[in-house]
Structures are given as C-alpha cells and as structure tokens.
N, C-alpha and C. Protein backbone atom coordinates (compact mmCIF):
# COMPACT_ATOMS: atom_id res chain seq x y z
N MET A 1 -35.95 -10.66 13.63
CA MET A 1 -35.19 -11.79 12.84
C MET A 1 -34.76 -11.31 11.59
N ARG A 2 -35.71 -10.71 10.82
CA ARG A 2 -35.37 -10.22 9.51
C ARG A 2 -34.25 -9.33 9.52
N ALA A 3 -34.28 -8.32 10.43
CA ALA A 3 -33.28 -7.21 10.69
C ALA A 3 -31.95 -7.91 10.70
N THR A 4 -31.81 -8.90 11.56
CA THR A 4 -30.45 -9.52 11.79
C THR A 4 -29.95 -10.12 10.49
N VAL A 5 -30.82 -10.80 9.77
CA VAL A 5 -30.49 -11.36 8.47
C VAL A 5 -29.97 -10.39 7.54
N TYR A 6 -30.61 -9.30 7.37
CA TYR A 6 -30.25 -8.27 6.60
C TYR A 6 -28.94 -7.55 6.99
N GLY A 7 -28.86 -7.46 8.37
CA GLY A 7 -27.60 -6.90 8.86
C GLY A 7 -26.31 -7.74 8.65
N GLY A 8 -26.65 -9.13 8.83
CA GLY A 8 -25.49 -10.09 8.46
C GLY A 8 -25.12 -9.98 7.06
N LEU A 9 -26.22 -10.02 6.21
CA LEU A 9 -25.91 -9.94 4.73
C LEU A 9 -25.13 -8.73 4.39
N PHE A 10 -25.61 -7.56 4.88
CA PHE A 10 -24.95 -6.30 4.65
C PHE A 10 -23.47 -6.34 5.02
N PHE A 11 -23.24 -6.84 6.23
CA PHE A 11 -21.91 -6.91 6.85
C PHE A 11 -21.05 -7.82 5.92
N TYR A 12 -21.58 -8.96 5.51
CA TYR A 12 -20.77 -9.85 4.64
C TYR A 12 -20.50 -9.24 3.32
N VAL A 13 -21.40 -8.60 2.71
CA VAL A 13 -21.13 -7.94 1.38
C VAL A 13 -20.20 -6.79 1.56
N HIS A 14 -20.42 -5.99 2.63
CA HIS A 14 -19.47 -4.95 2.99
C HIS A 14 -17.95 -5.54 3.18
N TYR A 15 -17.95 -6.54 3.96
CA TYR A 15 -16.51 -7.14 4.27
C TYR A 15 -15.88 -7.67 3.06
N SER A 16 -16.67 -8.40 2.29
CA SER A 16 -15.95 -9.02 1.03
C SER A 16 -15.54 -7.89 0.10
N THR A 17 -16.50 -6.83 -0.02
CA THR A 17 -15.98 -5.72 -0.92
C THR A 17 -14.68 -5.13 -0.45
N MET A 18 -14.68 -4.87 0.88
CA MET A 18 -13.53 -4.27 1.48
C MET A 18 -12.28 -5.13 1.21
N MET A 19 -12.44 -6.48 1.38
CA MET A 19 -11.27 -7.36 1.25
C MET A 19 -10.87 -7.37 -0.26
N ALA A 20 -11.83 -7.35 -1.19
CA ALA A 20 -11.55 -7.27 -2.73
C ALA A 20 -10.74 -5.98 -2.93
N CYS A 21 -11.27 -4.90 -2.42
CA CYS A 21 -10.64 -3.60 -2.70
C CYS A 21 -9.21 -3.58 -2.13
N ALA A 22 -9.07 -4.11 -1.02
CA ALA A 22 -7.74 -4.28 -0.32
C ALA A 22 -6.76 -5.05 -1.20
N GLN A 23 -7.26 -6.19 -1.71
CA GLN A 23 -6.38 -7.01 -2.53
C GLN A 23 -6.02 -6.24 -3.85
N VAL A 24 -6.97 -5.40 -4.32
CA VAL A 24 -6.69 -4.75 -5.61
C VAL A 24 -5.74 -3.60 -5.39
N LEU A 25 -5.87 -2.95 -4.12
CA LEU A 25 -4.97 -1.82 -3.97
C LEU A 25 -3.58 -2.25 -3.38
N GLN A 26 -3.59 -3.51 -2.87
CA GLN A 26 -2.31 -3.88 -2.35
C GLN A 26 -1.08 -3.87 -3.41
N ARG A 27 -1.37 -4.22 -4.59
CA ARG A 27 -0.35 -4.36 -5.57
C ARG A 27 0.23 -2.93 -5.95
N PRO A 28 -0.66 -1.82 -6.25
CA PRO A 28 -0.06 -0.57 -6.42
C PRO A 28 0.65 0.12 -5.27
N LEU A 29 0.06 -0.27 -4.05
CA LEU A 29 0.77 0.26 -2.86
C LEU A 29 2.05 -0.43 -2.68
N ALA A 30 2.21 -1.65 -2.95
CA ALA A 30 3.52 -2.41 -2.86
C ALA A 30 4.47 -1.73 -3.78
N LEU A 31 3.96 -1.57 -5.03
CA LEU A 31 4.92 -1.05 -6.06
C LEU A 31 5.21 0.41 -5.67
N LEU A 32 4.38 1.15 -5.17
CA LEU A 32 4.57 2.53 -4.83
C LEU A 32 5.77 2.56 -3.69
N ARG A 33 5.54 1.70 -2.67
CA ARG A 33 6.48 1.51 -1.57
C ARG A 33 7.84 1.21 -2.15
N GLN A 34 7.81 0.25 -3.04
CA GLN A 34 9.20 -0.26 -3.70
C GLN A 34 9.85 0.95 -4.31
N ARG A 35 9.03 1.69 -5.17
CA ARG A 35 9.55 2.83 -5.87
C ARG A 35 10.19 3.84 -5.00
N LEU A 36 9.30 4.11 -3.93
CA LEU A 36 9.91 5.19 -2.88
C LEU A 36 11.13 4.73 -2.23
N ALA A 37 11.27 3.34 -1.87
CA ALA A 37 12.44 2.87 -1.26
C ALA A 37 13.61 2.98 -2.23
N GLN A 38 13.35 2.59 -3.47
CA GLN A 38 14.44 2.74 -4.50
C GLN A 38 14.86 4.18 -4.67
N GLU A 39 13.88 5.19 -4.63
CA GLU A 39 14.30 6.62 -4.80
C GLU A 39 15.00 7.08 -3.59
N MET A 40 14.69 6.72 -2.36
CA MET A 40 15.36 6.99 -1.17
C MET A 40 16.77 6.47 -1.17
N ALA A 41 17.00 5.19 -1.68
CA ALA A 41 18.27 4.51 -1.81
C ALA A 41 19.09 5.23 -2.72
N GLY A 42 18.47 5.65 -3.90
CA GLY A 42 19.12 6.46 -4.93
C GLY A 42 19.63 7.68 -4.36
N GLN A 43 18.78 8.50 -3.59
CA GLN A 43 19.16 9.73 -3.11
C GLN A 43 20.26 9.56 -2.08
N HIS A 44 20.20 8.55 -1.28
CA HIS A 44 21.33 8.42 -0.29
C HIS A 44 22.65 8.15 -0.99
N ARG A 45 22.53 7.29 -2.10
CA ARG A 45 23.78 7.03 -2.84
C ARG A 45 24.27 8.20 -3.54
N HIS A 46 23.31 9.13 -4.00
CA HIS A 46 23.78 10.29 -4.61
C HIS A 46 24.47 11.22 -3.61
N GLN A 47 23.87 11.40 -2.39
CA GLN A 47 24.42 12.08 -1.32
C GLN A 47 25.67 11.62 -0.97
N LEU A 48 25.95 10.34 -0.86
CA LEU A 48 27.20 9.70 -0.60
C LEU A 48 28.25 10.10 -1.63
N ALA A 49 27.93 10.05 -2.87
CA ALA A 49 28.78 10.19 -3.98
C ALA A 49 29.17 11.75 -3.89
N VAL A 50 28.23 12.66 -3.58
CA VAL A 50 28.48 14.12 -3.55
C VAL A 50 29.53 14.34 -2.37
N LEU A 51 29.27 13.62 -1.21
CA LEU A 51 30.13 13.82 -0.02
C LEU A 51 31.59 13.30 -0.44
N ILE A 52 31.64 12.16 -1.16
CA ILE A 52 32.98 11.64 -1.48
C ILE A 52 33.67 12.54 -2.43
N VAL A 53 32.97 13.08 -3.47
CA VAL A 53 33.45 14.02 -4.35
C VAL A 53 33.97 15.37 -3.70
N ALA A 54 33.18 15.78 -2.75
CA ALA A 54 33.48 17.03 -1.98
C ALA A 54 34.71 16.84 -1.25
N ARG A 55 35.04 15.69 -0.69
CA ARG A 55 36.38 15.47 -0.17
C ARG A 55 37.47 15.53 -1.04
C-alpha cells in the first residue's frame, strides 16, 4: 500500500515538474522558431532579389 502511495506521489511530482519545465521552455522555443522562420523568409527574399538582379 505504501509503495503505491509513494509511486503516485513521485509520478505526480515528476509530472508537474515536467509540465512546469515545458511551460518555461515553450516561450524560448516559440521565439526561436519565429526567428528561424524570419531568417528563412529573409534568405528566400534575398535569393529572390539576387535572381531578379541577375536577370
């Protein structure tokens, strides 16, 4: 009986910690993804400009 209580408590603490870490990491990851998307868009725009100038 005591083992299941400890197991449930450990699982709950582990799960809540993981969720907190996920929430904390979500913002930087979203910002990083946004920056990557912007850089990719900038590169594509730059390539298009180079192609237009090359013609």
